[in-house]
Amino acid sequence: MPIMNRESLQVLTSPMGIIMMVLLLAALGSLFFFGGGPESSGQTYYYDYEAGKVFTADVADLPPIQSPYSGKATGAYIFIYSCDSCGSYDGMTPEEIEAAGGIPAYIAVYSDQARAMFERTGQIRDFQAGRLVKRISDEKWLPSGSYESALASEARGRCGGAKANACQP
């Protein structure tokens, strides 16, 4: 007996079937993205905004995190891009990253309210609502959203139309 017959294929390819499949995929994606997915144990780059150096730590750590350089909670996610292949940027300053072919685009932390929600529930429902970003050289932290997209686009634009690679350890 076939798993899928002509009638079930017609239902899946109908407009309502396609909408249902898109909604199902969106629900599964949001479940994974906003919590309920597997725990992450990968490493990512952080930037000590007092010491001015990059270090690696678990990607699941919610910044600002304790820095091995300052010993204080001054570690922010750093988003580094490269127009070529990515190198290892651990221990580097932004100037050294650029000399090695990387593009230190921006850094990000979470507000006290977002961190409190994470500690209480183990997840952040709207990760951008409590996320603050800035260029390394900027003084002021700003809410994420379109500003974060603009900073990422600005960095990727430095590749002159070539695809920019997001760098991870």
C-alpha atoms as a PDB file:
ATOM      1  CA  MET A   1       0.000   0.000   0.000  1.00  0.00           C
ATOM      2  CA  PRO A   2       1.541   3.349  -0.987  1.00  0.00           C
ATOM      3  CA  ILE A   3       2.382   5.810   1.779  1.00  0.00           C
ATOM      4  CA  MET A   4       1.033   8.729  -0.228  1.00  0.00           C
ATOM      5  CA  ASN A   5      -1.823   8.486  -2.707  1.00  0.00           C
ATOM      6  CA  ARG A   6      -3.033  11.019  -5.261  1.00  0.00           C
ATOM      7  CA  GLU A   7      -5.566  12.601  -2.887  1.00  0.00           C
ATOM      8  CA  SER A   8      -3.032  13.209  -0.099  1.00  0.00           C
ATOM      9  CA  LEU A   9      -0.563  14.694  -2.605  1.00  0.00           C
ATOM     10  CA  GLN A  10      -3.301  17.058  -3.847  1.00  0.00           C
ATOM     11  CA  VAL A  11      -3.985  18.186  -0.267  1.00  0.00           C
ATOM     12  CA  LEU A  12      -0.287  18.853   0.383  1.00  0.00           C
ATOM     13  CA  THR A  13       0.148  20.851  -2.824  1.00  0.00           C
ATOM     14  CA  SER A  14      -3.067  22.846  -2.448  1.00  0.00           C
ATOM     15  CA  PRO A  15      -2.767  26.456  -1.185  1.00  0.00           C
ATOM     16  CA  MET A  16      -4.101  25.429   2.238  1.00  0.00           C
ATOM     17  CA  GLY A  17      -1.682  22.493   2.403  1.00  0.00           C
ATOM     18  CA  ILE A  18       1.253  24.751   1.557  1.00  0.00           C
ATOM     19  CA  ILE A  19       0.173  27.277   4.209  1.00  0.00           C
ATOM     20  CA  MET A  20      -0.103  24.491   6.785  1.00  0.00           C
ATOM     21  CA  MET A  21       3.383  23.216   5.918  1.00  0.00           C
ATOM     22  CA  VAL A  22       4.878  26.733   6.149  1.00  0.00           C
ATOM     23  CA  LEU A  23       3.240  27.244   9.561  1.00  0.00           C
ATOM     24  CA  LEU A  24       4.526  23.885  10.766  1.00  0.00           C
ATOM     25  CA  LEU A  25       8.068  24.694   9.638  1.00  0.00           C
ATOM     26  CA  ALA A  26       7.874  28.154  11.243  1.00  0.00           C
ATOM     27  CA  ALA A  27       6.688  26.625  14.530  1.00  0.00           C
ATOM     28  CA  LEU A  28       9.494  24.068  14.518  1.00  0.00           C
ATOM     29  CA  GLY A  29      12.048  26.751  13.639  1.00  0.00           C
ATOM     30  CA  SER A  30      10.904  29.069  16.424  1.00  0.00           C
ATOM     31  CA  LEU A  31      10.923  26.193  18.904  1.00  0.00           C
ATOM     32  CA  PHE A  32      14.549  25.484  18.053  1.00  0.00           C
ATOM     33  CA  PHE A  33      15.576  29.157  17.833  1.00  0.00           C
ATOM     34  CA  PHE A  34      13.861  30.481  20.975  1.00  0.00           C
ATOM     35  CA  GLY A  35      14.272  27.505  23.227  1.00  0.00           C
ATOM     36  CA  GLY A  36      13.248  23.919  23.429  1.00  0.00           C
ATOM     37  CA  GLY A  37      15.931  22.886  20.951  1.00  0.00           C
ATOM     38  CA  PRO A  38      19.130  21.058  21.793  1.00  0.00           C
ATOM     39  CA  GLU A  39      21.541  22.744  24.202  1.00  0.00           C
ATOM     40  CA  SER A  40      24.465  24.377  22.468  1.00  0.00           C
ATOM     41  CA  SER A  41      27.968  23.399  23.473  1.00  0.00           C
ATOM     42  CA  GLY A  42      29.837  25.241  20.735  1.00  0.00           C
ATOM     43  CA  GLN A  43      32.316  28.044  21.165  1.00  0.00           C
ATOM     44  CA  THR A  44      31.981  31.592  19.913  1.00  0.00           C
ATOM     45  CA  TYR A  45      34.002  34.775  20.020  1.00  0.00           C
ATOM     46  CA  TYR A  46      33.531  37.324  22.791  1.00  0.00           C
ATOM     47  CA  TYR A  47      35.153  40.737  23.111  1.00  0.00           C
ATOM     48  CA  ASP A  48      36.308  42.246  26.388  1.00  0.00           C
ATOM     49  CA  TYR A  49      35.288  45.854  25.878  1.00  0.00           C
ATOM     50  CA  GLU A  50      37.570  47.029  28.705  1.00  0.00           C
ATOM     51  CA  ALA A  51      40.701  45.055  27.806  1.00  0.00           C
ATOM     52  CA  GLY A  52      40.079  45.386  24.052  1.00  0.00           C
ATOM     53  CA  LYS A  53      40.734  41.711  23.229  1.00  0.00           C
ATOM     54  CA  VAL A  54      38.839  38.753  21.817  1.00  0.00           C
ATOM     55  CA  PHE A  55      38.411  35.486  23.700  1.00  0.00           C
ATOM     56  CA  THR A  56      36.380  32.311  23.173  1.00  0.00           C
ATOM     57  CA  ALA A  57      33.728  30.865  25.473  1.00  0.00           C
ATOM     58  CA  ASP A  58      30.590  28.755  25.252  1.00  0.00           C
ATOM     59  CA  VAL A  59      28.032  30.229  22.842  1.00  0.00           C
ATOM     60  CA  ALA A  60      25.280  29.545  25.397  1.00  0.00           C
ATOM     61  CA  ASP A  61      26.803  32.058  27.854  1.00  0.00           C
ATOM     62  CA  LEU A  62      24.632  35.174  27.834  1.00  0.00           C
ATOM     63  CA  PRO A  63      26.747  38.327  27.623  1.00  0.00           C
ATOM     64  CA  PRO A  64      28.051  40.313  29.270  1.00  0.00           C
ATOM     65  CA  ILE A  65      30.120  37.419  30.648  1.00  0.00           C
ATOM     66  CA  GLN A  66      33.214  37.291  32.814  1.00  0.00           C
ATOM     67  CA  SER A  67      36.329  37.998  30.789  1.00  0.00           C
ATOM     68  CA  PRO A  68      39.594  36.138  31.336  1.00  0.00           C
ATOM     69  CA  TYR A  69      41.398  39.453  30.779  1.00  0.00           C
ATOM     70  CA  SER A  70      39.633  41.795  33.201  1.00  0.00           C
ATOM     71  CA  GLY A  71      38.000  39.230  35.487  1.00  0.00           C
ATOM     72  CA  LYS A  72      34.802  41.297  35.209  1.00  0.00           C
ATOM     73  CA  ALA A  73      31.551  40.880  33.282  1.00  0.00           C
ATOM     74  CA  THR A  74      32.859  42.831  30.286  1.00  0.00           C
ATOM     75  CA  GLY A  75      32.628  40.088  27.639  1.00  0.00           C
ATOM     76  CA  ALA A  76      30.258  40.804  24.726  1.00  0.00           C
ATOM     77  CA  TYR A  77      29.495  38.697  21.670  1.00  0.00           C
ATOM     78  CA  ILE A  78      31.646  39.960  18.809  1.00  0.00           C
ATOM     79  CA  PHE A  79      30.558  39.479  15.210  1.00  0.00           C
ATOM     80  CA  ILE A  80      33.549  39.062  12.934  1.00  0.00           C
ATOM     81  CA  TYR A  81      33.323  38.677   9.163  1.00  0.00           C
ATOM     82  CA  SER A  82      35.914  37.892   6.508  1.00  0.00           C
ATOM     83  CA  CYS A  83      35.904  38.333   2.737  1.00  0.00           C
ATOM     84  CA  ASP A  84      38.116  35.233   2.474  1.00  0.00           C
ATOM     85  CA  SER A  85      38.541  32.357   4.878  1.00  0.00           C
ATOM     86  CA  CYS A  86      38.358  33.020   8.605  1.00  0.00           C
ATOM     87  CA  GLY A  87      41.400  32.757  10.793  1.00  0.00           C
ATOM     88  CA  SER A  88      41.719  32.324  14.530  1.00  0.00           C
ATOM     89  CA  TYR A  89      41.098  35.662  16.229  1.00  0.00           C
ATOM     90  CA  ASP A  90      41.402  34.519  19.840  1.00  0.00           C
ATOM     91  CA  GLY A  91      43.479  36.972  21.896  1.00  0.00           C
ATOM     92  CA  MET A  92      43.500  39.642  19.182  1.00  0.00           C
ATOM     93  CA  THR A  93      42.600  43.326  19.294  1.00  0.00           C
ATOM     94  CA  PRO A  94      40.283  44.776  16.619  1.00  0.00           C
ATOM     95  CA  GLU A  95      43.337  46.211  14.819  1.00  0.00           C
ATOM     96  CA  GLU A  96      45.016  42.783  14.791  1.00  0.00           C
ATOM     97  CA  ILE A  97      41.797  41.196  13.479  1.00  0.00           C
ATOM     98  CA  GLU A  98      41.744  43.668  10.582  1.00  0.00           C
ATOM     99  CA  ALA A  99      45.447  43.076   9.867  1.00  0.00           C
ATOM    100  CA  ALA A 100      44.657  39.330   9.694  1.00  0.00           C
ATOM    101  CA  GLY A 101      41.880  39.937   7.141  1.00  0.00           C
ATOM    102  CA  GLY A 102      38.919  39.932   9.510  1.00  0.00           C
ATOM    103  CA  ILE A 103      36.229  42.572   9.891  1.00  0.00           C
ATOM    104  CA  PRO A 104      35.195  43.203  13.526  1.00  0.00           C
ATOM    105  CA  ALA A 105      31.649  44.375  12.793  1.00  0.00           C
ATOM    106  CA  TYR A 106      29.954  44.956  16.140  1.00  0.00           C
ATOM    107  CA  ILE A 107      29.473  43.643  19.661  1.00  0.00           C
ATOM    108  CA  ALA A 108      26.294  42.639  21.517  1.00  0.00           C
ATOM    109  CA  VAL A 109      25.133  42.153  25.107  1.00  0.00           C
ATOM    110  CA  TYR A 110      21.779  41.571  26.782  1.00  0.00           C
ATOM    111  CA  SER A 111      19.981  43.984  29.096  1.00  0.00           C
ATOM    112  CA  ASP A 112      19.565  43.249  32.792  1.00  0.00           C
ATOM    113  CA  GLN A 113      15.851  42.526  32.170  1.00  0.00           C
ATOM    114  CA  ALA A 114      16.613  39.996  29.422  1.00  0.00           C
ATOM    115  CA  ARG A 115      19.255  38.322  31.583  1.00  0.00           C
ATOM    116  CA  ALA A 116      16.796  38.114  34.498  1.00  0.00           C
ATOM    117  CA  MET A 117      14.215  36.467  32.209  1.00  0.00           C
ATOM    118  CA  PHE A 118      16.826  33.991  31.008  1.00  0.00           C
ATOM    119  CA  GLU A 119      17.867  33.125  34.568  1.00  0.00           C
ATOM    120  CA  ARG A 120      14.211  32.688  35.561  1.00  0.00           C
ATOM    121  CA  THR A 121      12.984  30.699  32.555  1.00  0.00           C
ATOM    122  CA  GLY A 122      16.104  29.416  30.776  1.00  0.00           C
ATOM    123  CA  GLN A 123      15.159  31.213  27.560  1.00  0.00           C
ATOM    124  CA  ILE A 124      14.509  34.607  26.050  1.00  0.00           C
ATOM    125  CA  ARG A 125      11.238  34.800  24.129  1.00  0.00           C
ATOM    126  CA  ASP A 126      12.184  37.760  21.963  1.00  0.00           C
ATOM    127  CA  PHE A 127      15.966  37.732  21.757  1.00  0.00           C
ATOM    128  CA  GLN A 128      16.154  41.132  20.048  1.00  0.00           C
ATOM    129  CA  ALA A 129      14.001  42.913  22.631  1.00  0.00           C
ATOM    130  CA  GLY A 130      16.714  42.704  25.268  1.00  0.00           C
ATOM    131  CA  ARG A 131      19.718  42.714  22.979  1.00  0.00           C
ATOM    132  CA  LEU A 132      21.929  45.804  22.824  1.00  0.00           C
ATOM    133  CA  VAL A 133      24.527  46.362  20.090  1.00  0.00           C
ATOM    134  CA  LYS A 134      27.210  48.843  19.086  1.00  0.00           C
ATOM    135  CA  ARG A 135      30.331  49.242  17.001  1.00  0.00           C
ATOM    136  CA  ILE A 136      33.424  48.653  19.095  1.00  0.00           C
ATOM    137  CA  SER A 137      34.329  52.333  18.738  1.00  0.00           C
ATOM    138  CA  ASP A 138      30.866  53.630  19.749  1.00  0.00           C
ATOM    139  CA  GLU A 139      30.140  54.809  23.274  1.00  0.00           C
ATOM    140  CA  LYS A 140      26.407  54.095  23.410  1.00  0.00           C
ATOM    141  CA  TRP A 141      24.666  50.700  23.333  1.00  0.00           C
ATOM    142  CA  LEU A 142      21.525  50.719  21.168  1.00  0.00           C
ATOM    143  CA  PRO A 143      18.602  48.282  20.872  1.00  0.00           C
ATOM    144  CA  SER A 144      19.161  45.550  18.308  1.00  0.00           C
ATOM    145  CA  GLY A 145      16.709  45.139  15.415  1.00  0.00           C
ATOM    146  CA  SER A 146      17.300  47.204  12.306  1.00  0.00           C
ATOM    147  CA  TYR A 147      20.440  48.791  13.787  1.00  0.00           C
ATOM    148  CA  GLU A 148      22.058  45.348  14.133  1.00  0.00           C
ATOM    149  CA  SER A 149      21.089  44.514  10.549  1.00  0.00           C
ATOM    150  CA  ALA A 150      22.617  47.797   9.373  1.00  0.00           C
ATOM    151  CA  LEU A 151      25.889  47.088  11.201  1.00  0.00           C
ATOM    152  CA  ALA A 152      26.099  43.589   9.714  1.00  0.00           C
ATOM    153  CA  SER A 153      25.331  44.928   6.220  1.00  0.00           C
ATOM    154  CA  GLU A 154      27.946  47.636   6.632  1.00  0.00           C
ATOM    155  CA  ALA A 155      30.584  45.018   7.512  1.00  0.00           C
ATOM    156  CA  ARG A 156      29.563  42.650   4.699  1.00  0.00           C
ATOM    157  CA  GLY A 157      29.641  45.595   2.274  1.00  0.00           C
ATOM    158  CA  ARG A 158      33.369  45.917   2.868  1.00  0.00           C
ATOM    159  CA  CYS A 159      33.828  42.745   0.790  1.00  0.00           C
ATOM    160  CA  GLY A 160      33.002  44.661  -2.395  1.00  0.00           C
ATOM    161  CA  GLY A 161      30.114  42.455  -3.492  1.00  0.00           C
ATOM    162  CA  ALA A 162      31.828  39.156  -2.579  1.00  0.00           C
ATOM    163  CA  LYS A 163      30.155  36.948   0.016  1.00  0.00           C
ATOM    164  CA  ALA A 164      31.288  37.745   3.565  1.00  0.00           C
ATOM    165  CA  ASN A 165      31.857  34.788   5.848  1.00  0.00           C
ATOM    166  CA  ALA A 166      30.728  34.923   9.470  1.00  0.00           C
ATOM    167  CA  CYS A 167      33.727  33.782  11.528  1.00  0.00           C
ATOM    168  CA  GLN A 168      33.548  31.411  14.488  1.00  0.00           C
ATOM    169  CA  PRO A 169      36.346  29.663  16.428  1.00  0.00           C
END
